[in-house]
Amino acid sequence: MKPVKDVDEYIALAPKEVQDKLKEFRAIINTAAPSAQERISYGMPYYYYKGRLVYFGLSKKHIGLYIPTPVVEEHKSELKGYETTKATIRFPLDKKLPVMLIKKLIKVRVKKNDETEKKK
């Protein structure tokens, strides 16, 4: 995809058949972290809340959720069945998004960012 200026453009440039899923992903993030600022970073949607919160990006067969460590490791058992790395979870395009799980992970990151901010 070409460089984009905002999340609306990112979604609009995605293939039509995945735009609804990207809109749903965006809505999940906005519901879980309503105070987060929506931006574009590294060419993908990025959410800032007292530091890095999450990114998401479309690939051929999945939507990646990029969330700073140690959230993935802390929720490894709940993420069985999803391809993960230290800071990435891949949600297959051919499956329903696990809305409650995604919200939970984002809320955990929000809490971690709040705690880090308090220590400053």
C-alpha atoms as a PDB file:
ATOM      1  CA  MET A   1       0.000   0.000   0.000  1.00  0.00           C
ATOM      2  CA  LYS A   2       1.123   3.559  -0.681  1.00  0.00           C
ATOM      3  CA  PRO A   3       1.886   5.917   2.227  1.00  0.00           C
ATOM      4  CA  VAL A   4      -1.303   7.129   3.892  1.00  0.00           C
ATOM      5  CA  LYS A   5      -2.168  10.241   5.899  1.00  0.00           C
ATOM      6  CA  ASP A   6      -4.733   8.747   8.303  1.00  0.00           C
ATOM      7  CA  VAL A   7      -6.623   5.603   9.326  1.00  0.00           C
ATOM      8  CA  ASP A   8      -9.616   6.434   7.112  1.00  0.00           C
ATOM      9  CA  GLU A   9      -7.333   6.445   4.068  1.00  0.00           C
ATOM     10  CA  TYR A  10      -5.572   3.250   5.238  1.00  0.00           C
ATOM     11  CA  ILE A  11      -8.906   1.426   5.350  1.00  0.00           C
ATOM     12  CA  ALA A  12     -10.150   2.961   2.085  1.00  0.00           C
ATOM     13  CA  LEU A  13      -7.050   1.737   0.239  1.00  0.00           C
ATOM     14  CA  ALA A  14      -7.420  -1.835   1.541  1.00  0.00           C
ATOM     15  CA  PRO A  15      -9.199  -4.419  -0.627  1.00  0.00           C
ATOM     16  CA  LYS A  16     -12.999  -3.961  -0.427  1.00  0.00           C
ATOM     17  CA  GLU A  17     -13.537  -7.444   1.018  1.00  0.00           C
ATOM     18  CA  VAL A  18     -11.508  -6.657   4.170  1.00  0.00           C
ATOM     19  CA  GLN A  19     -12.525  -3.049   4.807  1.00  0.00           C
ATOM     20  CA  ASP A  20     -15.389  -4.019   7.141  1.00  0.00           C
ATOM     21  CA  LYS A  21     -13.047  -6.174   9.203  1.00  0.00           C
ATOM     22  CA  LEU A  22     -10.547  -3.294   9.457  1.00  0.00           C
ATOM     23  CA  LYS A  23     -13.360  -0.940  10.503  1.00  0.00           C
ATOM     24  CA  GLU A  24     -14.387  -3.454  13.163  1.00  0.00           C
ATOM     25  CA  PHE A  25     -10.790  -3.705  14.404  1.00  0.00           C
ATOM     26  CA  ARG A  26     -10.588   0.091  14.608  1.00  0.00           C
ATOM     27  CA  ALA A  27     -13.881   0.256  16.512  1.00  0.00           C
ATOM     28  CA  ILE A  28     -12.673  -2.366  19.003  1.00  0.00           C
ATOM     29  CA  ILE A  29      -9.548  -0.305  19.724  1.00  0.00           C
ATOM     30  CA  ASN A  30     -11.519   2.937  20.028  1.00  0.00           C
ATOM     31  CA  THR A  31     -13.968   1.282  22.442  1.00  0.00           C
ATOM     32  CA  ALA A  32     -11.212  -0.252  24.583  1.00  0.00           C
ATOM     33  CA  ALA A  33      -9.084   2.913  24.620  1.00  0.00           C
ATOM     34  CA  PRO A  34     -11.357   5.904  23.934  1.00  0.00           C
ATOM     35  CA  SER A  35      -8.674   8.405  25.058  1.00  0.00           C
ATOM     36  CA  ALA A  36      -6.061   7.068  22.637  1.00  0.00           C
ATOM     37  CA  GLN A  37      -4.939   9.291  19.791  1.00  0.00           C
ATOM     38  CA  GLU A  38      -5.212   7.732  16.355  1.00  0.00           C
ATOM     39  CA  ARG A  39      -2.173   8.207  14.119  1.00  0.00           C
ATOM     40  CA  ILE A  40      -0.234   6.553  11.318  1.00  0.00           C
ATOM     41  CA  SER A  41       3.224   5.180  12.114  1.00  0.00           C
ATOM     42  CA  TYR A  42       5.349   2.844  10.010  1.00  0.00           C
ATOM     43  CA  GLY A  43       2.581   3.098   7.390  1.00  0.00           C
ATOM     44  CA  MET A  44      -0.108   1.550   9.595  1.00  0.00           C
ATOM     45  CA  PRO A  45      -2.706   2.640  12.137  1.00  0.00           C
ATOM     46  CA  TYR A  46      -1.112   3.474  15.472  1.00  0.00           C
ATOM     47  CA  TYR A  47      -2.710   4.402  18.775  1.00  0.00           C
ATOM     48  CA  TYR A  48      -0.966   6.598  21.323  1.00  0.00           C
ATOM     49  CA  TYR A  49      -1.994   6.759  24.959  1.00  0.00           C
ATOM     50  CA  LYS A  50       0.689   7.902  27.403  1.00  0.00           C
ATOM     51  CA  GLY A  51       3.146   6.171  25.086  1.00  0.00           C
ATOM     52  CA  ARG A  52       2.860   3.413  22.499  1.00  0.00           C
ATOM     53  CA  LEU A  53      -0.430   1.571  22.864  1.00  0.00           C
ATOM     54  CA  VAL A  54      -1.048  -0.591  19.779  1.00  0.00           C
ATOM     55  CA  TYR A  55      -0.662  -0.765  16.023  1.00  0.00           C
ATOM     56  CA  PHE A  56      -2.621  -2.842  13.557  1.00  0.00           C
ATOM     57  CA  GLY A  57      -1.803  -3.813  10.024  1.00  0.00           C
ATOM     58  CA  LEU A  58      -3.311  -5.770   7.184  1.00  0.00           C
ATOM     59  CA  SER A  59      -1.440  -8.655   5.581  1.00  0.00           C
ATOM     60  CA  LYS A  60      -2.589 -11.076   2.896  1.00  0.00           C
ATOM     61  CA  LYS A  61      -4.160 -13.569   5.296  1.00  0.00           C
ATOM     62  CA  HIS A  62      -4.397 -11.780   8.639  1.00  0.00           C
ATOM     63  CA  ILE A  63      -4.648  -8.548  10.585  1.00  0.00           C
ATOM     64  CA  GLY A  64      -1.697  -8.130  12.880  1.00  0.00           C
ATOM     65  CA  LEU A  65      -2.083  -6.528  16.283  1.00  0.00           C
ATOM     66  CA  TYR A  66       1.239  -5.133  17.437  1.00  0.00           C
ATOM     67  CA  ILE A  67       1.224  -4.516  21.175  1.00  0.00           C
ATOM     68  CA  PRO A  68       4.267  -3.674  23.298  1.00  0.00           C
ATOM     69  CA  THR A  69       5.638  -6.412  25.540  1.00  0.00           C
ATOM     70  CA  PRO A  70       4.889  -8.173  27.862  1.00  0.00           C
ATOM     71  CA  VAL A  71       1.145  -8.341  27.029  1.00  0.00           C
ATOM     72  CA  VAL A  72       1.359 -11.271  24.592  1.00  0.00           C
ATOM     73  CA  GLU A  73       3.485 -13.336  26.986  1.00  0.00           C
ATOM     74  CA  GLU A  74       1.174 -12.603  29.910  1.00  0.00           C
ATOM     75  CA  HIS A  75      -1.849 -13.856  27.935  1.00  0.00           C
ATOM     76  CA  LYS A  76      -0.199 -16.778  26.127  1.00  0.00           C
ATOM     77  CA  SER A  77      -2.834 -19.300  27.260  1.00  0.00           C
ATOM     78  CA  GLU A  78      -5.697 -17.148  25.949  1.00  0.00           C
ATOM     79  CA  LEU A  79      -3.888 -16.693  22.644  1.00  0.00           C
ATOM     80  CA  LYS A  80      -3.514 -20.399  21.847  1.00  0.00           C
ATOM     81  CA  GLY A  81      -4.712 -20.947  18.324  1.00  0.00           C
ATOM     82  CA  TYR A  82      -3.308 -17.618  17.118  1.00  0.00           C
ATOM     83  CA  GLU A  83       0.109 -17.119  15.618  1.00  0.00           C
ATOM     84  CA  THR A  84       2.099 -14.882  17.974  1.00  0.00           C
ATOM     85  CA  THR A  85       5.550 -13.407  18.525  1.00  0.00           C
ATOM     86  CA  LYS A  86       6.803 -11.341  21.486  1.00  0.00           C
ATOM     87  CA  ALA A  87       4.676  -8.349  20.502  1.00  0.00           C
ATOM     88  CA  THR A  88       2.429  -9.551  17.664  1.00  0.00           C
ATOM     89  CA  ILE A  89      -0.817 -11.467  17.355  1.00  0.00           C
ATOM     90  CA  ARG A  90      -2.100 -12.489  13.933  1.00  0.00           C
ATOM     91  CA  PHE A  91      -5.871 -12.712  13.531  1.00  0.00           C
ATOM     92  CA  PRO A  92      -6.793 -14.686  10.379  1.00  0.00           C
ATOM     93  CA  LEU A  93      -9.007 -12.840   7.899  1.00  0.00           C
ATOM     94  CA  ASP A  94     -11.183 -15.925   7.396  1.00  0.00           C
ATOM     95  CA  LYS A  95     -12.207 -16.073  11.073  1.00  0.00           C
ATOM     96  CA  LYS A  96     -14.389 -13.857  13.254  1.00  0.00           C
ATOM     97  CA  LEU A  97     -12.431 -11.361  15.357  1.00  0.00           C
ATOM     98  CA  PRO A  98     -12.284 -12.266  19.076  1.00  0.00           C
ATOM     99  CA  VAL A  99     -13.685  -8.898  20.143  1.00  0.00           C
ATOM    100  CA  MET A 100     -13.603  -9.440  23.917  1.00  0.00           C
ATOM    101  CA  LEU A 101     -10.044 -10.807  23.813  1.00  0.00           C
ATOM    102  CA  ILE A 102      -8.765  -7.885  21.735  1.00  0.00           C
ATOM    103  CA  LYS A 103     -10.462  -5.389  24.076  1.00  0.00           C
ATOM    104  CA  LYS A 104      -8.960  -7.132  27.096  1.00  0.00           C
ATOM    105  CA  LEU A 105      -5.420  -6.995  25.655  1.00  0.00           C
ATOM    106  CA  ILE A 106      -5.756  -3.306  24.797  1.00  0.00           C
ATOM    107  CA  LYS A 107      -7.122  -2.466  28.258  1.00  0.00           C
ATOM    108  CA  VAL A 108      -4.147  -4.277  29.811  1.00  0.00           C
ATOM    109  CA  ARG A 109      -1.807  -2.115  27.713  1.00  0.00           C
ATOM    110  CA  VAL A 110      -3.717   1.038  28.737  1.00  0.00           C
ATOM    111  CA  LYS A 111      -3.270   0.087  32.395  1.00  0.00           C
ATOM    112  CA  LYS A 112       0.457  -0.563  31.884  1.00  0.00           C
ATOM    113  CA  ASN A 113       0.850   2.831  30.199  1.00  0.00           C
ATOM    114  CA  ASP A 114      -1.034   4.476  33.111  1.00  0.00           C
ATOM    115  CA  GLU A 115       1.278   2.772  35.612  1.00  0.00           C
ATOM    116  CA  THR A 116       4.393   3.840  33.701  1.00  0.00           C
ATOM    117  CA  GLU A 117       3.129   7.413  33.562  1.00  0.00           C
ATOM    118  CA  LYS A 118       2.572   7.475  37.347  1.00  0.00           C
ATOM    119  CA  LYS A 119       6.186   6.409  37.947  1.00  0.00           C
ATOM    120  CA  LYS A 120       7.535   9.401  36.034  1.00  0.00           C
END
